[in-house]
Amino acid sequence: MTAIEKLQELVDASSRIVAFSGAGWSTESGLPDFRSVDGLYQQRYRYPPEEILSHHFYKENPEEFFAFYRSRMLYLDAKPNAAHKKLAELEQAGKLLAVVTQNIDGLHQLAGSRKVLELHGSVHRNYCTRCGKGYDARFILESEGIPRCSCGGIVKPDVVLYEESLDSATVQKAVEALERADLLIVGGTSLAVYPAAGLLQYYQGGPIVVINKSATPLDHRADLLIQEGIGGVLGAVVVR
């Protein structure tokens, strides 16, 4: 039996799937990942990207923060790939409980998924830190310097920066979905970012599928390990 056939068998036998997605889920849509050899964190900038994307850097160097954010975090023309679309199909068929994602790009929703739990927020939600007024990602992209609300306040992306806490309500929903799941599909993530990766401990259901090009700390627990691109793998699954 091939790995794809085994995956098909597991999907067919499951009715409460949870998918846990990371940056590798979106690289096939043209977005850069973070920790691979060619990833964002391997590139040279005036400051390390992990520092730029921290709360203290945002507060102390907002102009430099937004310059980096616009050029490296906003890919508003990106389209969902086969892996995003397959999860939307599974949800529509009543087989998917939730997508728990570390991604902030909104591609799962663009593909048609509705039950998406964004652990690290979304580039598509931005708010004035003074009056709370909301703005879309295009506003941030087309602004210059520090984006300002009509009231004069700074418009901050609703993304979780380093040193910031995850949204407790989103975390609780993710825990509840993982506790109910009967199949966990983990894809496109090195599982190196905590506390997000730590949520997988709440999955006590059945099989675990890991689809990632490089090794992860969960590989030894996987019932099925596929070290290939996620689009080609999930794209081959038939929803029935």
Protein backbone atom coordinates (compact mmCIF):
# COMPACT_ATOMS: atom_id res chain seq x y z
CA MET A 1 0.00 0.00 0.00
CA THR A 2 1.37 3.41 -0.94
CA ALA A 3 1.46 6.33 1.48
CA ILE A 4 -1.33 8.07 -0.47
CA GLU A 5 -3.49 4.93 -0.32
CA LYS A 6 -2.89 4.69 3.44
CA LEU A 7 -3.83 8.37 3.85
CA GLN A 8 -6.98 7.79 1.79
CA GLU A 9 -7.89 4.86 4.04
CA LEU A 10 -7.44 6.97 7.19
CA VAL A 11 -9.50 9.87 5.78
CA ASP A 12 -12.27 7.51 4.68
CA ALA A 13 -12.46 6.02 8.19
CA SER A 14 -12.59 9.39 9.96
CA SER A 15 -15.42 11.84 10.60
CA ARG A 16 -13.79 14.28 13.02
CA ILE A 17 -10.55 15.37 11.35
CA VAL A 18 -8.44 18.25 12.65
CA ALA A 19 -5.73 19.72 10.45
CA PHE A 20 -2.84 21.58 12.05
CA SER A 21 -1.11 23.77 9.47
CA GLY A 22 2.12 25.75 9.39
CA ALA A 23 4.03 27.93 6.94
CA GLY A 24 4.86 25.02 4.63
CA TRP A 25 1.15 24.75 3.85
CA SER A 26 1.40 28.09 2.05
CA THR A 27 4.82 27.89 0.38
CA GLU A 28 3.20 26.20 -2.62
CA SER A 29 1.11 29.38 -2.94
CA GLY A 30 4.29 31.43 -3.24
CA LEU A 31 4.65 32.59 0.37
CA PRO A 32 8.05 32.23 2.08
CA ASP A 33 8.36 29.99 5.10
CA PHE A 34 10.49 30.82 8.11
CA ARG A 35 12.86 28.09 9.21
CA SER A 36 13.85 26.16 6.08
CA VAL A 37 17.25 26.60 4.41
CA ASP A 38 15.81 29.32 2.18
CA GLY A 39 13.38 30.62 4.78
CA LEU A 40 12.85 34.12 6.06
CA TYR A 41 14.95 33.56 9.17
CA GLN A 42 17.99 32.53 7.12
CA GLN A 43 18.08 35.80 5.18
CA ARG A 44 20.22 38.73 6.25
CA TYR A 45 18.60 41.93 7.40
CA ARG A 46 19.77 44.85 9.49
CA TYR A 47 18.05 43.14 12.44
CA PRO A 48 17.16 39.44 12.79
CA PRO A 49 13.59 38.86 11.54
CA GLU A 50 12.61 37.30 14.87
CA GLU A 51 13.58 40.55 16.59
CA ILE A 52 11.74 42.71 14.06
CA LEU A 53 8.61 40.64 14.60
CA SER A 54 8.70 41.12 18.37
CA HIS A 55 6.47 43.33 20.49
CA HIS A 56 9.34 45.40 21.84
CA PHE A 57 10.69 46.11 18.34
CA TYR A 58 7.22 47.13 17.14
CA LYS A 59 6.97 49.57 20.06
CA GLU A 60 10.51 50.96 19.78
CA ASN A 61 10.99 50.96 15.98
CA PRO A 62 7.50 51.09 14.44
CA GLU A 63 8.62 52.57 11.13
CA GLU A 64 11.21 49.81 10.57
CA PHE A 65 8.73 47.19 11.77
CA PHE A 66 6.12 48.26 9.20
CA ALA A 67 8.66 48.49 6.37
CA PHE A 68 9.63 44.85 7.01
CA TYR A 69 6.03 43.77 7.56
CA ARG A 70 4.85 45.24 4.25
CA SER A 71 7.69 43.73 2.23
CA ARG A 72 7.86 40.28 3.87
CA MET A 73 4.50 39.45 5.45
CA LEU A 74 1.86 40.74 3.01
CA TYR A 75 1.25 38.56 -0.07
CA LEU A 76 -2.25 39.66 -0.91
CA ASP A 77 -2.29 38.21 -4.43
CA ALA A 78 -1.49 34.66 -3.25
CA LYS A 79 -4.05 31.98 -4.11
CA PRO A 80 -4.96 28.82 -2.17
CA ASN A 81 -3.30 25.63 -3.36
CA ALA A 82 -4.59 22.06 -3.58
CA ALA A 83 -3.96 21.43 0.13
CA HIS A 84 -6.06 24.42 1.21
CA LYS A 85 -8.85 23.43 -1.18
CA LYS A 86 -8.90 19.83 0.02
CA LEU A 87 -9.53 20.90 3.62
CA ALA A 88 -12.45 23.05 2.44
CA GLU A 89 -13.83 19.98 0.63
CA LEU A 90 -13.46 17.85 3.75
CA GLU A 91 -15.27 20.47 5.83
CA GLN A 92 -18.08 20.71 3.30
CA ALA A 93 -18.44 16.92 3.40
CA GLY A 94 -18.81 17.07 7.19
CA LYS A 95 -15.53 15.25 7.89
CA LEU A 96 -13.41 18.13 9.19
CA LEU A 97 -13.90 19.61 12.66
CA ALA A 98 -11.44 22.48 12.32
CA VAL A 99 -8.27 23.82 10.81
CA VAL A 100 -5.89 24.92 13.56
CA THR A 101 -3.34 27.11 11.84
CA GLN A 102 -0.18 29.00 12.72
CA ASN A 103 -0.52 30.90 9.44
CA ILE A 104 -1.70 34.50 9.21
CA ASP A 105 -2.31 34.66 5.45
CA GLY A 106 -6.03 33.83 5.32
CA LEU A 107 -5.58 31.28 2.52
CA HIS A 108 -7.63 28.61 4.30
CA GLN A 109 -10.64 30.95 4.34
CA LEU A 110 -10.00 32.02 0.75
CA ALA A 111 -10.19 28.33 -0.24
CA GLY A 112 -13.60 28.06 1.41
CA SER A 113 -12.84 26.80 4.93
CA ARG A 114 -15.01 28.32 7.64
CA LYS A 115 -13.87 26.52 10.78
CA VAL A 116 -10.41 28.09 10.91
CA LEU A 117 -8.70 28.78 14.24
CA GLU A 118 -5.87 31.27 13.65
CA LEU A 119 -3.48 30.87 16.57
CA HIS A 120 -1.24 33.72 15.42
CA GLY A 121 -3.92 36.07 14.10
CA SER A 122 -4.40 37.35 10.57
CA VAL A 123 -2.91 40.00 8.28
CA HIS A 124 -6.47 40.68 7.11
CA ARG A 125 -7.51 42.12 10.47
CA ASN A 126 -5.96 45.40 11.58
CA TYR A 127 -7.17 47.79 14.22
CA CYS A 128 -6.50 51.27 15.55
CA THR A 129 -4.77 51.04 18.90
CA ARG A 130 -6.54 54.23 19.99
CA CYS A 131 -10.18 53.93 18.88
CA GLY A 132 -10.40 50.30 17.75
CA LYS A 133 -11.53 51.02 14.17
CA GLY A 134 -10.84 48.11 11.80
CA TYR A 135 -8.81 48.21 8.57
CA ASP A 136 -8.04 45.62 5.91
CA ALA A 137 -4.63 44.41 4.78
CA ARG A 138 -4.69 46.54 1.64
CA PHE A 139 -4.79 49.66 3.84
CA ILE A 140 -1.56 48.56 5.57
CA LEU A 141 0.11 47.61 2.29
CA GLU A 142 -0.66 50.93 0.63
CA SER A 143 0.12 53.11 3.64
CA GLU A 144 3.52 54.73 4.10
CA GLY A 145 5.63 54.87 7.22
CA ILE A 146 3.53 54.16 10.29
CA PRO A 147 -0.10 53.46 9.26
CA ARG A 148 -2.47 55.87 10.98
CA CYS A 149 -6.18 55.77 11.66
CA SER A 150 -8.40 58.73 10.83
CA CYS A 151 -8.24 59.51 14.57
CA GLY A 152 -4.44 59.59 14.47
CA GLY A 153 -3.83 56.30 16.29
CA ILE A 154 -1.44 53.62 15.01
CA VAL A 155 -3.14 50.84 13.02
CA LYS A 156 -1.67 47.54 14.28
CA PRO A 157 -1.99 44.19 12.51
CA ASP A 158 -3.96 41.63 14.49
CA VAL A 159 -1.05 39.19 14.44
CA VAL A 160 0.66 37.68 17.46
CA LEU A 161 4.19 39.06 17.72
CA TYR A 162 6.97 37.45 19.72
CA GLU A 163 6.48 38.29 23.43
CA GLU A 164 2.70 38.52 22.94
CA SER A 165 0.21 35.93 24.19
CA LEU A 166 -2.05 33.81 22.02
CA ASP A 167 -5.74 34.66 22.12
CA SER A 168 -7.18 32.53 24.93
CA ALA A 169 -10.56 31.98 23.26
CA THR A 170 -8.90 30.71 20.06
CA VAL A 171 -6.61 28.42 22.07
CA GLN A 172 -9.61 27.01 23.97
CA LYS A 173 -11.48 26.26 20.73
CA ALA A 174 -8.36 24.55 19.34
CA VAL A 175 -8.03 22.41 22.46
CA GLU A 176 -11.69 21.41 22.25
CA ALA A 177 -11.36 20.46 18.58
CA LEU A 178 -8.21 18.42 19.22
CA GLU A 179 -9.84 16.60 22.12
CA ARG A 180 -12.79 15.60 19.90
CA ALA A 181 -10.77 14.63 16.81
CA ASP A 182 -10.43 11.07 15.53
CA LEU A 183 -7.69 11.90 12.98
CA LEU A 184 -4.97 14.55 13.22
CA ILE A 185 -3.24 15.74 10.05
CA VAL A 186 -0.17 17.88 10.77
CA GLY A 187 1.35 19.57 7.75
CA GLY A 188 3.88 22.17 6.69
CA THR A 189 5.27 22.88 10.14
CA SER A 190 8.55 22.24 11.94
CA LEU A 191 6.61 22.26 15.25
CA ALA A 192 9.30 24.54 16.65
CA VAL A 193 7.04 27.43 17.69
CA TYR A 194 5.53 27.27 21.15
CA PRO A 195 3.01 27.46 22.68
CA ALA A 196 1.22 26.62 19.39
CA ALA A 197 3.01 23.30 18.86
CA GLY A 198 2.32 22.31 22.46
CA LEU A 199 -1.41 22.20 21.77
CA LEU A 200 -1.01 18.87 19.99
CA GLN A 201 -0.69 17.18 23.38
CA TYR A 202 -4.47 17.55 23.70
CA TYR A 203 -5.04 15.14 20.83
CA GLN A 204 -5.72 11.74 22.37
CA GLY A 205 -7.77 10.33 19.52
CA GLY A 206 -6.71 7.91 16.83
CA PRO A 207 -4.06 8.11 14.11
CA ILE A 208 -1.60 10.94 13.46
CA VAL A 209 -0.52 11.86 9.94
CA VAL A 210 2.54 14.10 9.50
CA ILE A 211 3.13 15.62 6.05
CA ASN A 212 6.28 17.75 6.04
CA LYS A 213 9.38 17.90 3.88
CA SER A 214 11.74 17.96 6.88
CA ALA A 215 11.78 16.09 10.19
CA THR A 216 9.55 17.17 13.09
CA PRO A 217 9.46 16.25 16.80
CA LEU A 218 6.19 14.41 16.14
CA ASP A 219 7.57 12.02 13.52
CA HIS A 220 8.14 9.20 16.01
CA ARG A 221 4.46 9.28 17.01
CA ALA A 222 3.09 9.42 13.47
CA ASP A 223 1.06 6.49 12.17
CA LEU A 224 1.81 7.83 8.70
CA LEU A 225 4.80 10.03 7.84
CA ILE A 226 5.04 11.56 4.38
CA GLN A 227 8.03 13.81 3.67
CA GLU A 228 6.73 15.46 0.52
CA GLY A 229 5.00 18.67 -0.54
CA ILE A 230 1.59 18.94 1.05
CA GLY A 231 -0.29 20.07 -2.06
CA GLY A 232 0.55 16.99 -4.05
CA VAL A 233 -0.21 14.68 -1.16
CA LEU A 234 -3.55 16.09 -0.01
CA GLY A 235 -4.54 16.95 -3.55
CA ALA A 236 -4.55 13.23 -4.34
CA VAL A 237 -7.07 12.43 -1.61
CA VAL A 238 -10.63 11.80 -2.79
CA VAL A 239 -13.37 13.20 -0.53
CA ARG A 240 -16.28 10.81 -0.30
